[in-house]
Protein backbone atom coordinates (compact mmCIF):
# COMPACT_ATOMS: atom_id res chain seq x y z
CA MET A 1 0.00 0.00 0.00
CA GLY A 2 1.28 3.49 -0.92
CA LYS A 3 2.11 6.08 1.68
CA LYS A 4 -0.58 8.57 2.68
CA VAL A 5 0.39 12.04 1.50
CA LEU A 6 -1.51 15.14 2.50
CA VAL A 7 -1.01 18.12 0.17
CA LEU A 8 -1.41 21.43 2.00
CA CYS A 9 -2.23 24.37 -0.26
CA GLY A 10 -4.31 27.52 -0.53
CA GLY A 11 -3.92 29.36 2.74
CA LYS A 12 -4.32 33.05 3.49
CA SER A 13 -1.43 34.72 1.68
CA LYS A 14 -1.52 36.94 -1.40
CA GLU A 15 -0.32 33.87 -3.35
CA ARG A 16 -3.35 31.73 -2.43
CA GLU A 17 -4.56 31.11 -5.99
CA VAL A 18 -1.12 30.07 -7.20
CA SER A 19 -0.79 27.75 -4.20
CA LEU A 20 -4.10 26.04 -5.05
CA ARG A 21 -2.81 25.41 -8.57
CA SER A 22 0.48 24.06 -7.25
CA GLY A 23 -1.38 21.80 -4.82
CA GLN A 24 -3.65 20.33 -7.47
CA ALA A 25 -0.73 19.65 -9.83
CA VAL A 26 1.24 17.94 -7.05
CA ALA A 27 -1.77 15.88 -5.89
CA ASP A 28 -2.40 14.62 -9.44
CA ALA A 29 1.28 13.75 -9.90
CA LEU A 30 1.55 11.84 -6.61
CA ALA A 31 -1.67 9.94 -7.27
CA ALA A 32 -0.24 8.86 -10.62
CA LYS A 33 2.81 7.50 -8.75
CA GLY A 34 0.63 5.34 -6.49
CA PHE A 35 0.48 7.45 -3.34
CA ILE A 36 -2.76 7.77 -1.39
CA VAL A 37 -3.33 11.50 -1.73
CA SER A 38 -5.61 13.98 0.00
CA MET A 39 -5.65 17.78 -0.21
CA LEU A 40 -6.38 20.38 2.44
CA ASP A 41 -6.88 24.11 1.99
CA VAL A 42 -5.07 25.75 4.90
CA ASN A 43 -7.79 28.39 4.90
CA GLU A 44 -9.91 25.77 6.71
CA GLU A 45 -9.59 24.21 10.19
CA VAL A 46 -6.06 22.85 10.03
CA ILE A 47 -5.07 20.93 13.16
CA THR A 48 -8.21 18.82 13.51
CA SER A 49 -8.24 18.05 9.78
CA ILE A 50 -4.58 16.97 9.71
CA GLN A 51 -5.06 14.72 12.75
CA LYS A 52 -8.17 13.19 11.23
CA LEU A 53 -6.45 12.47 7.91
CA ALA A 54 -3.36 11.07 9.72
CA PRO A 55 -0.91 11.35 6.81
CA ASP A 56 2.47 9.63 6.69
CA VAL A 57 3.95 12.78 5.18
CA VAL A 58 2.78 16.28 4.24
CA PHE A 59 3.60 17.89 0.91
CA LEU A 60 3.73 21.66 1.39
CA ALA A 61 2.46 23.49 -1.68
CA LEU A 62 1.91 26.73 0.22
CA HIS A 63 3.43 30.04 -0.90
CA GLY A 64 3.96 33.27 1.04
CA LYS A 65 2.96 34.04 4.61
CA TYR A 66 1.46 31.36 6.86
CA GLY A 67 2.96 28.61 4.73
CA GLU A 68 6.43 29.44 3.49
CA ASP A 69 7.42 31.34 6.63
CA GLY A 70 7.95 28.55 9.19
CA THR A 71 4.51 28.72 10.82
CA ILE A 72 3.03 25.55 9.31
CA GLN A 73 6.42 23.86 9.60
CA GLY A 74 6.39 24.47 13.37
CA LEU A 75 2.89 23.03 13.65
CA LEU A 76 3.91 19.88 11.77
CA ASP A 77 7.01 19.53 13.96
CA ILE A 78 4.76 19.61 17.02
CA LEU A 79 2.49 16.99 15.42
CA LYS A 80 5.60 14.92 14.52
CA ILE A 81 4.63 14.62 10.86
CA PRO A 82 7.41 14.81 8.25
CA TYR A 83 6.97 17.39 5.50
CA THR A 84 8.60 18.49 2.27
CA GLY A 85 11.06 21.34 2.16
CA SER A 86 12.96 23.26 4.79
CA GLY A 87 12.37 23.58 8.53
CA VAL A 88 11.15 26.40 10.73
CA LEU A 89 14.30 28.54 11.01
CA THR A 90 15.27 28.31 7.33
CA SER A 91 11.72 29.10 6.22
CA ALA A 92 11.37 32.07 8.56
CA ILE A 93 14.71 33.58 7.51
CA CYS A 94 14.41 33.06 3.76
CA ILE A 95 10.93 34.56 3.44
CA ASN A 96 12.33 37.71 5.03
CA LYS A 97 14.31 39.50 2.33
CA ALA A 98 15.89 41.88 4.85
CA MET A 99 17.26 39.06 7.00
CA THR A 100 18.36 37.11 3.92
CA LYS A 101 20.29 40.12 2.61
CA ARG A 102 21.94 40.73 6.01
CA ILE A 103 23.17 37.12 6.19
CA LEU A 104 24.41 37.10 2.58
CA ASP A 105 26.29 40.32 3.26
CA TYR A 106 27.77 38.98 6.52
CA GLU A 107 28.96 35.84 4.73
CA ASN A 108 30.50 37.90 1.90
CA LEU A 109 28.31 36.29 -0.74
CA PRO A 110 27.59 38.61 -3.68
CA THR A 111 24.35 40.57 -3.41
CA ALA A 112 23.50 44.07 -4.63
CA PRO A 113 24.10 47.00 -2.23
CA PHE A 114 20.97 47.56 -0.13
CA LEU A 115 19.19 49.54 2.56
CA ILE A 116 16.55 48.31 5.02
CA PHE A 117 13.78 50.46 6.47
CA ASP A 118 11.49 49.23 9.27
CA LEU A 119 8.61 51.51 10.20
CA VAL A 120 7.85 49.54 13.39
CA HIS A 121 11.28 50.07 14.93
CA SER A 122 11.75 53.49 13.33
CA PRO A 123 8.25 55.00 13.50
CA GLY A 124 9.51 58.45 12.53
CA LEU A 125 10.31 57.30 9.00
CA THR A 126 8.25 58.78 6.19
CA VAL A 127 8.08 58.15 2.46
CA GLU A 128 10.03 61.36 1.98
CA SER A 129 12.79 60.50 4.46
CA ILE A 130 13.16 56.99 3.04
CA ALA A 131 13.40 58.39 -0.49
CA ALA A 132 16.03 60.92 0.59
CA ALA A 133 18.16 58.21 2.22
CA VAL A 134 17.87 55.97 -0.85
CA GLU A 135 18.94 58.72 -3.25
CA ALA A 136 21.83 59.75 -1.00
CA LYS A 137 23.24 56.27 -0.40
CA LEU A 138 22.22 54.16 -3.39
CA GLY A 139 21.18 56.62 -6.07
CA ILE A 140 18.77 55.61 -8.83
CA PRO A 141 17.88 53.15 -10.36
CA VAL A 142 16.88 50.91 -7.45
CA VAL A 143 14.48 48.05 -6.71
CA VAL A 144 11.98 48.56 -3.87
CA LYS A 145 10.58 45.42 -2.22
CA PRO A 146 8.36 44.59 0.76
CA SER A 147 10.39 42.36 3.04
CA THR A 148 8.09 39.36 3.35
CA GLN A 149 6.13 38.98 0.11
CA GLY A 150 6.83 36.39 -2.58
CA SER A 151 6.21 36.30 -6.33
CA SER A 152 7.46 39.90 -6.70
CA ILE A 153 4.26 41.22 -5.08
CA GLY A 154 4.69 44.91 -4.24
CA THR A 155 8.07 45.09 -6.01
CA THR A 156 8.92 48.11 -8.18
CA ILE A 157 11.92 48.90 -10.36
CA VAL A 158 12.47 52.63 -9.88
CA LYS A 159 14.25 54.41 -12.71
CA ASN A 160 13.63 58.07 -11.85
CA HIS A 161 13.08 60.37 -8.88
CA GLU A 162 9.34 60.72 -9.46
CA ALA A 163 8.74 56.96 -9.34
CA LEU A 164 10.63 56.44 -6.07
CA HIS A 165 7.91 57.77 -3.78
CA GLU A 166 5.26 55.67 -5.50
CA GLY A 167 7.45 52.54 -5.29
CA ILE A 168 7.91 53.05 -1.56
CA ARG A 169 4.16 53.58 -1.02
CA SER A 170 3.40 50.45 -3.04
CA ALA A 171 5.73 48.28 -0.97
CA LEU A 172 4.36 49.70 2.29
CA GLN A 173 0.91 48.40 1.39
CA PHE A 174 2.26 44.88 1.97
CA ASP A 175 4.79 45.20 4.78
CA HIS A 176 6.11 47.63 7.41
CA GLU A 177 9.69 46.64 6.44
CA LEU A 178 11.23 47.48 3.08
CA VAL A 179 14.36 46.39 1.26
CA VAL A 180 15.73 48.81 -1.32
CA GLU A 181 18.62 47.51 -3.41
CA LYS A 182 20.77 48.97 -6.15
CA PHE A 183 19.41 47.93 -9.54
CA VAL A 184 21.80 45.64 -11.41
CA GLU A 185 21.40 45.49 -15.18
CA GLY A 186 21.82 41.93 -16.41
CA THR A 187 20.37 38.52 -17.11
CA GLU A 188 17.90 37.08 -14.61
CA VAL A 189 18.60 33.40 -13.95
CA THR A 190 17.35 30.94 -11.39
CA ALA A 191 19.13 27.94 -9.90
CA SER A 192 16.92 25.11 -8.68
CA VAL A 193 18.65 23.05 -5.98
CA LEU A 194 17.52 19.55 -4.96
CA GLY A 195 18.60 17.39 -2.02
CA ASN A 196 19.23 17.21 1.72
CA GLU A 197 22.83 16.66 2.86
CA ASN A 198 24.29 16.55 -0.68
CA PRO A 199 22.29 19.05 -2.74
CA VAL A 200 22.79 19.49 -6.47
CA ALA A 201 21.96 22.41 -8.73
CA LEU A 202 19.72 21.57 -11.68
CA PRO A 203 20.16 23.23 -15.12
CA LEU A 204 19.92 27.01 -14.92
CA ILE A 205 16.92 28.83 -16.38
CA GLU A 206 16.88 32.35 -17.77
CA SER A 207 13.59 34.16 -17.16
CA VAL A 208 12.46 36.56 -19.88
CA ALA A 209 9.29 38.52 -19.14
CA GLU A 210 6.94 40.38 -21.47
CA ASN A 211 6.57 42.98 -18.68
CA GLU A 212 9.39 45.20 -17.43
CA PHE A 213 10.57 42.41 -15.15
CA TYR A 214 9.56 38.92 -13.96
CA ASP A 215 6.64 40.13 -11.83
CA TYR A 216 3.51 38.35 -10.55
CA GLU A 217 1.64 38.71 -13.85
CA ALA A 218 4.61 37.48 -15.88
CA LYS A 219 5.13 34.49 -13.57
CA TYR A 220 1.58 33.16 -13.66
CA THR A 221 -0.03 34.30 -16.93
CA PRO A 222 0.48 32.02 -19.96
CA GLY A 223 2.52 33.74 -22.65
CA MET A 224 3.77 36.52 -20.37
CA SER A 225 7.16 34.93 -19.68
CA HIS A 226 9.60 32.52 -21.28
CA HIS A 227 11.99 30.06 -19.63
CA LEU A 228 15.20 29.66 -21.61
CA ILE A 229 17.27 26.52 -21.03
CA PRO A 230 20.22 26.80 -21.18
CA ALA A 231 20.43 30.34 -19.85
CA ARG A 232 22.22 32.73 -22.20
CA ILE A 233 25.24 33.33 -19.98
CA SER A 234 28.87 32.28 -20.35
CA GLU A 235 30.16 28.96 -19.09
CA ARG A 236 32.22 30.88 -16.54
CA ALA A 237 29.13 32.63 -15.21
CA ARG A 238 27.14 29.39 -15.24
CA GLU A 239 29.74 27.67 -13.05
CA LYS A 240 29.79 30.63 -10.64
CA VAL A 241 25.98 30.66 -10.31
CA MET A 242 25.69 26.92 -9.74
CA ASP A 243 28.44 26.98 -7.12
CA LEU A 244 26.91 29.99 -5.34
CA ALA A 245 23.46 28.39 -5.43
CA VAL A 246 24.68 25.30 -3.58
CA GLN A 247 26.70 27.44 -1.14
CA THR A 248 23.62 29.53 -0.39
CA TYR A 249 21.41 26.45 -0.02
CA LYS A 250 23.82 24.98 2.54
CA LEU A 251 24.33 28.32 4.32
CA PHE A 252 20.60 28.62 5.05
CA ASN A 253 20.30 24.88 5.78
CA CYS A 254 17.69 24.36 3.07
CA GLN A 255 16.22 20.86 2.80
CA GLY A 256 14.43 19.03 0.00
CA PHE A 257 14.37 21.77 -2.59
CA SER A 258 14.75 25.51 -2.97
CA ARG A 259 15.30 28.03 -5.74
CA VAL A 260 18.02 30.68 -5.63
CA ASP A 261 17.47 33.66 -7.93
CA PHE A 262 20.30 35.70 -9.47
CA ILE A 263 21.11 38.63 -11.73
CA VAL A 264 24.27 38.15 -13.83
CA ASP A 265 25.82 41.40 -15.05
CA ALA A 266 27.70 42.02 -18.31
CA ASP A 267 31.03 41.11 -16.65
CA ASP A 268 29.79 37.64 -15.60
CA ASN A 269 29.33 38.68 -11.98
CA PRO A 270 26.34 36.97 -10.33
CA TYR A 271 24.35 38.71 -7.60
CA ILE A 272 22.05 36.70 -5.33
CA LEU A 273 18.54 38.15 -5.19
CA GLU A 274 16.65 35.81 -2.85
CA VAL A 275 15.98 32.23 -1.77
CA ASN A 276 12.59 30.57 -2.33
CA THR A 277 12.08 27.62 0.03
CA ILE A 278 8.80 26.43 -1.53
CA PRO A 279 9.13 27.04 -5.26
CA GLY A 280 6.00 27.08 -7.40
CA MET A 281 4.84 23.74 -8.74
CA THR A 282 2.37 24.89 -11.42
CA ALA A 283 2.52 24.22 -15.16
CA LEU A 284 4.30 27.59 -15.57
CA SER A 285 6.77 27.15 -12.70
CA LEU A 286 10.56 27.24 -12.93
CA PHE A 287 11.55 24.34 -10.67
CA PRO A 288 9.62 21.65 -12.63
CA ASP A 289 11.13 23.03 -15.85
CA ALA A 290 14.64 22.70 -14.42
CA ALA A 291 13.89 19.14 -13.30
CA ARG A 292 12.63 18.25 -16.79
CA ALA A 293 15.84 19.65 -18.27
CA ALA A 294 17.72 17.29 -15.93
CA GLY A 295 15.66 14.34 -17.21
CA MET A 296 13.16 14.14 -14.34
CA SER A 297 9.42 14.13 -15.02
CA PHE A 298 7.05 16.19 -12.86
CA GLU A 299 5.66 12.99 -11.33
CA ASP A 300 9.15 11.72 -10.50
CA LEU A 301 10.10 15.13 -9.01
CA CYS A 302 7.08 15.11 -6.68
CA ALA A 303 7.81 11.53 -5.60
CA ARG A 304 11.46 12.44 -5.00
CA LEU A 305 10.45 15.35 -2.76
CA VAL A 306 8.31 12.99 -0.66
CA GLU A 307 11.31 10.66 -0.32
CA LEU A 308 13.54 13.57 0.74
CA ALA A 309 10.93 14.66 3.30
CA ILE A 310 10.97 11.26 4.95
CA ALA A 311 14.77 11.08 4.84
CA LYS A 312 15.39 14.57 6.29
CA PRO A 313 17.81 14.69 9.21
CA LYS A 314 15.89 14.84 12.48
C-alpha cells in the first residue's frame, strides 16, 4: 500500500490562488505514482483536519505568509509529521528579504548593495525620508521590495526620482519593512537546488518577461514569460551561479528543494537576489522546468520530494 500524502495548499497569503494550482498539480502527480493522496486548503480548520487524515507525510504546496514562513512547519514539527522542504528557522529567515540580505552580506556572498527600512522600529520614517536616504546612499535606479512577500508582489523597479515615492508607497501596502537595493542590469537566472545533505543544482533557467521584469503577472499568466534553457550566460558565469546556489542552499540549511534567484551582469558577476524555500509547482513554474531539463518528469520530481521529506535529518 502506498504512503498517505496530505497536500497542503491555498492558505491566506496573497499567493493563495497560485498555491491552489500548485497543490492540485502535485496531488495529481503523486496519485499517478501510487500514493494515497488527499488535499487540504489551509484556509480551513487545520489541526483537527490533519489529525483526522493522519498522513504519513505532508507535501507543502503553500506560498507566502502562513505557509512558506515557518509557521506551518512548526505546527507539523509539534504533530511529529514529516513534511517536504525546509524547517522552521530556514523558512522564517528566507521569506524575510531583509534578514536574507543581512546574512548574505555577513557571509560575503555577492548581493547588490541595499538599505533596510522598518517603520515599526523606526516610526519616525516617512516616504520622503526613506526616499532621501535611498537617493543619497544608493542613487537611482533601485528596486523597492516589501520584506516578506513572494512572487514579486509589491516590487517596483524605480528608474527616476518621481517613481521612487510611489514605489515606496506600493511596498508599504504589503509590509512595514522594506528592502531597497541597487538595480543591477543583467540577465535574470534561477538555480533550482535539490537534495538534503548533498544538494545538487539543476540546469539554470533564464527568465524573460513580457513585462518590465519577472513580476507576478509574468510568472503566472500564460505567454507573459519565457523560460530559456540553457540560460544565455557564459560557461564561466554558469559555473559561478551553480556553485553559489549550492553554497547559499547549505548556508541557510535548506532541505528538499529551494530556488536561488540571481542577476548576472555584463562582466559575468552573479548577484544573489533571494531564496525561495517552496518554489511554485504549477505548469508555468521554474523548478519543474529545471527538473525536466535534468531528465526528471514532474511525477518523479514530486515523488522524490516525498522521499527527501521522509529522509530529512531529524
